[in-house]
Amino acid sequence: MTFIQKFVTTLLPAKWSAAIQAESESWLLPCPKCGFVQSVWDIGGVRYKAVSKGKRVSVRCLSCKQWSMMPMERKLDQ
């Protein structure tokens, strides 16, 4: 767990930290090389109340260990 994740889970009220973690887990990063999908929370990030379309970030895949520009997509539960 990164510093910011520890801050969110320990200092903020439980309801807020659960909402922040849930939203961070809904932002997905599919690896273009191996197809593995990881969430922003899994890689140590926090994303809350954010809106973006077409955003790409440089991330190391947890599966194939390769660095690449991954598209950031939001999984909406319907």
N, C-alpha and C. Protein backbone atom coordinates (compact mmCIF):
# COMPACT_ATOMS: atom_id res chain seq x y z
N MET A 1 0.84 -1.16 0.00
CA MET A 1 0.00 0.00 0.00
C MET A 1 0.90 1.24 0.00
N THR A 2 0.59 2.18 -0.88
CA THR A 2 1.39 3.39 -0.98
C THR A 2 1.02 4.37 0.12
N PHE A 3 1.83 5.43 0.26
CA PHE A 3 1.58 6.43 1.29
C PHE A 3 0.18 7.04 1.15
N ILE A 4 -0.19 7.41 -0.07
CA ILE A 4 -1.50 8.05 -0.26
C ILE A 4 -2.63 7.08 0.05
N GLN A 5 -2.47 5.81 -0.27
CA GLN A 5 -3.50 4.82 0.07
C GLN A 5 -3.59 4.63 1.58
N LYS A 6 -2.46 4.62 2.27
CA LYS A 6 -2.48 4.52 3.74
C LYS A 6 -3.16 5.75 4.34
N PHE A 7 -2.88 6.93 3.78
CA PHE A 7 -3.52 8.16 4.24
C PHE A 7 -5.02 8.07 4.09
N VAL A 8 -5.47 7.62 2.93
CA VAL A 8 -6.91 7.52 2.64
C VAL A 8 -7.58 6.53 3.60
N THR A 9 -6.96 5.40 3.82
CA THR A 9 -7.61 4.37 4.63
C THR A 9 -7.51 4.59 6.13
N THR A 10 -6.54 5.38 6.60
CA THR A 10 -6.38 5.55 8.04
C THR A 10 -6.90 6.89 8.57
N LEU A 11 -6.70 7.96 7.85
CA LEU A 11 -7.06 9.28 8.38
C LEU A 11 -8.45 9.76 7.99
N LEU A 12 -8.95 9.30 6.88
CA LEU A 12 -10.28 9.72 6.46
C LEU A 12 -11.34 8.83 7.09
N PRO A 13 -12.57 9.32 7.20
CA PRO A 13 -13.65 8.47 7.73
C PRO A 13 -13.82 7.20 6.88
N ALA A 14 -14.26 6.14 7.51
CA ALA A 14 -14.37 4.83 6.84
C ALA A 14 -15.26 4.90 5.60
N LYS A 15 -16.34 5.65 5.66
CA LYS A 15 -17.25 5.77 4.52
C LYS A 15 -16.56 6.42 3.34
N TRP A 16 -15.78 7.46 3.59
CA TRP A 16 -15.05 8.14 2.51
C TRP A 16 -13.97 7.24 1.93
N SER A 17 -13.20 6.59 2.81
CA SER A 17 -12.11 5.75 2.31
C SER A 17 -12.64 4.58 1.50
N ALA A 18 -13.78 4.02 1.89
CA ALA A 18 -14.39 2.93 1.12
C ALA A 18 -14.84 3.43 -0.25
N ALA A 19 -15.39 4.63 -0.30
CA ALA A 19 -15.83 5.19 -1.58
C ALA A 19 -14.64 5.48 -2.49
N ILE A 20 -13.57 6.01 -1.92
CA ILE A 20 -12.37 6.31 -2.71
C ILE A 20 -11.74 5.02 -3.24
N GLN A 21 -11.66 4.01 -2.40
CA GLN A 21 -11.09 2.73 -2.84
C GLN A 21 -11.95 2.09 -3.92
N ALA A 22 -13.27 2.11 -3.75
CA ALA A 22 -14.16 1.52 -4.74
C ALA A 22 -14.06 2.23 -6.08
N GLU A 23 -14.00 3.56 -6.06
CA GLU A 23 -13.88 4.28 -7.33
C GLU A 23 -12.52 4.05 -7.97
N SER A 24 -11.46 3.99 -7.18
CA SER A 24 -10.12 3.71 -7.72
C SER A 24 -10.07 2.32 -8.34
N GLU A 25 -10.79 1.38 -7.77
CA GLU A 25 -10.82 0.03 -8.33
C GLU A 25 -11.66 -0.06 -9.60
N SER A 26 -12.52 0.93 -9.83
CA SER A 26 -13.33 0.91 -11.05
C SER A 26 -12.58 1.48 -12.26
N TRP A 27 -11.45 2.16 -12.04
CA TRP A 27 -10.62 2.64 -13.14
C TRP A 27 -9.65 1.52 -13.52
N LEU A 28 -9.75 1.04 -14.75
CA LEU A 28 -8.98 -0.12 -15.19
C LEU A 28 -7.92 0.27 -16.22
N LEU A 29 -6.81 -0.48 -16.17
CA LEU A 29 -5.69 -0.28 -17.08
C LEU A 29 -5.40 -1.61 -17.79
N PRO A 30 -5.91 -1.80 -19.01
CA PRO A 30 -5.61 -3.04 -19.74
C PRO A 30 -4.24 -2.95 -20.42
N CYS A 31 -3.44 -3.98 -20.26
CA CYS A 31 -2.10 -4.01 -20.87
C CYS A 31 -2.25 -4.32 -22.36
N PRO A 32 -1.71 -3.48 -23.24
CA PRO A 32 -1.81 -3.74 -24.67
C PRO A 32 -0.92 -4.90 -25.14
N LYS A 33 0.03 -5.30 -24.32
CA LYS A 33 0.96 -6.36 -24.72
C LYS A 33 0.47 -7.76 -24.35
N CYS A 34 -0.09 -7.92 -23.13
CA CYS A 34 -0.51 -9.26 -22.71
C CYS A 34 -2.01 -9.35 -22.44
N GLY A 35 -2.70 -8.21 -22.37
CA GLY A 35 -4.14 -8.21 -22.14
C GLY A 35 -4.56 -8.25 -20.68
N PHE A 36 -3.61 -8.30 -19.77
CA PHE A 36 -3.92 -8.33 -18.33
C PHE A 36 -4.55 -6.99 -17.93
N VAL A 37 -5.59 -7.04 -17.11
CA VAL A 37 -6.28 -5.83 -16.68
C VAL A 37 -6.03 -5.63 -15.19
N GLN A 38 -5.55 -4.43 -14.84
CA GLN A 38 -5.30 -4.09 -13.44
C GLN A 38 -6.01 -2.78 -13.12
N SER A 39 -6.32 -2.60 -11.87
CA SER A 39 -7.01 -1.36 -11.48
C SER A 39 -6.00 -0.33 -11.00
N VAL A 40 -6.42 0.91 -10.94
CA VAL A 40 -5.56 1.97 -10.43
C VAL A 40 -5.18 1.68 -8.98
N TRP A 41 -6.11 1.17 -8.20
CA TRP A 41 -5.82 0.84 -6.80
C TRP A 41 -4.77 -0.26 -6.71
N ASP A 42 -4.83 -1.26 -7.61
CA ASP A 42 -3.87 -2.37 -7.59
C ASP A 42 -2.43 -1.91 -7.80
N ILE A 43 -2.26 -0.86 -8.59
CA ILE A 43 -0.89 -0.39 -8.87
C ILE A 43 -0.44 0.68 -7.88
N GLY A 44 -1.27 0.94 -6.87
CA GLY A 44 -0.87 1.87 -5.82
C GLY A 44 -1.40 3.28 -6.00
N GLY A 45 -2.32 3.46 -6.92
CA GLY A 45 -2.86 4.79 -7.17
C GLY A 45 -4.21 5.04 -6.53
N VAL A 46 -4.60 6.29 -6.56
CA VAL A 46 -5.91 6.71 -6.08
C VAL A 46 -6.50 7.62 -7.14
N ARG A 47 -7.74 7.34 -7.50
CA ARG A 47 -8.45 8.17 -8.48
C ARG A 47 -9.87 8.33 -7.98
N TYR A 48 -10.24 9.58 -7.66
CA TYR A 48 -11.54 9.83 -7.06
C TYR A 48 -12.13 11.10 -7.64
N LYS A 49 -13.39 11.03 -8.02
CA LYS A 49 -14.11 12.16 -8.61
C LYS A 49 -13.40 12.68 -9.86
N ALA A 50 -12.82 11.77 -10.61
CA ALA A 50 -12.07 12.15 -11.81
C ALA A 50 -12.88 11.82 -13.05
N VAL A 51 -12.69 12.62 -14.07
CA VAL A 51 -13.33 12.39 -15.36
C VAL A 51 -12.27 12.58 -16.43
N SER A 52 -12.14 11.60 -17.30
CA SER A 52 -11.22 11.75 -18.42
C SER A 52 -11.62 10.78 -19.51
N LYS A 53 -11.32 11.16 -20.71
CA LYS A 53 -11.62 10.31 -21.85
C LYS A 53 -10.38 10.26 -22.73
N GLY A 54 -9.91 9.06 -23.01
CA GLY A 54 -8.73 8.90 -23.85
C GLY A 54 -7.42 9.07 -23.12
N LYS A 55 -7.43 9.10 -21.81
CA LYS A 55 -6.20 9.27 -21.03
C LYS A 55 -5.37 8.00 -21.11
N ARG A 56 -4.08 8.17 -21.30
CA ARG A 56 -3.14 7.05 -21.33
C ARG A 56 -2.03 7.35 -20.32
N VAL A 57 -1.63 6.33 -19.59
CA VAL A 57 -0.59 6.51 -18.58
C VAL A 57 0.49 5.44 -18.76
N SER A 58 1.71 5.80 -18.43
CA SER A 58 2.82 4.86 -18.50
C SER A 58 2.85 4.05 -17.22
N VAL A 59 2.61 2.74 -17.35
CA VAL A 59 2.51 1.86 -16.19
C VAL A 59 3.22 0.55 -16.49
N ARG A 60 3.78 -0.05 -15.45
CA ARG A 60 4.38 -1.37 -15.60
C ARG A 60 3.31 -2.42 -15.30
N CYS A 61 3.12 -3.34 -16.21
CA CYS A 61 2.12 -4.40 -16.06
C CYS A 61 2.54 -5.35 -14.94
N LEU A 62 1.58 -5.70 -14.09
CA LEU A 62 1.86 -6.62 -13.00
C LEU A 62 2.05 -8.06 -13.48
N SER A 63 1.57 -8.35 -14.68
CA SER A 63 1.65 -9.71 -15.21
C SER A 63 2.92 -9.94 -16.04
N CYS A 64 3.08 -9.15 -17.11
CA CYS A 64 4.23 -9.37 -18.02
C CYS A 64 5.45 -8.52 -17.66
N LYS A 65 5.32 -7.62 -16.69
CA LYS A 65 6.41 -6.77 -16.18
C LYS A 65 6.97 -5.80 -17.21
N GLN A 66 6.23 -5.52 -18.27
CA GLN A 66 6.66 -4.59 -19.31
C GLN A 66 6.03 -3.22 -19.08
N TRP A 67 6.79 -2.15 -19.36
CA TRP A 67 6.27 -0.80 -19.29
C TRP A 67 5.57 -0.47 -20.59
N SER A 68 4.42 0.17 -20.51
CA SER A 68 3.72 0.59 -21.73
C SER A 68 2.72 1.69 -21.39
N MET A 69 2.26 2.37 -22.43
CA MET A 69 1.24 3.39 -22.28
C MET A 69 -0.11 2.68 -22.31
N MET A 70 -0.76 2.64 -21.17
CA MET A 70 -2.03 1.92 -21.07
C MET A 70 -3.20 2.91 -21.06
N PRO A 71 -4.26 2.57 -21.77
CA PRO A 71 -5.45 3.43 -21.72
C PRO A 71 -6.15 3.25 -20.38
N MET A 72 -6.61 4.35 -19.82
CA MET A 72 -7.32 4.31 -18.55
C MET A 72 -8.81 4.36 -18.85
N GLU A 73 -9.52 3.31 -18.44
CA GLU A 73 -10.95 3.20 -18.73
C GLU A 73 -11.72 3.01 -17.44
N ARG A 74 -12.90 3.57 -17.37
CA ARG A 74 -13.73 3.42 -16.17
C ARG A 74 -14.75 2.33 -16.40
N LYS A 75 -14.79 1.37 -15.50
CA LYS A 75 -15.78 0.29 -15.54
C LYS A 75 -17.00 0.78 -14.79
N LEU A 76 -18.07 0.97 -15.50
CA LEU A 76 -19.31 1.44 -14.88
C LEU A 76 -20.22 0.25 -14.63
N ASP A 77 -20.67 0.08 -13.40
CA ASP A 77 -21.60 -1.00 -13.06
C ASP A 77 -23.01 -0.58 -13.50
N GLN A 78 -23.63 -1.43 -14.27
CA GLN A 78 -24.97 -1.11 -14.76
C GLN A 78 -25.92 -2.24 -14.46
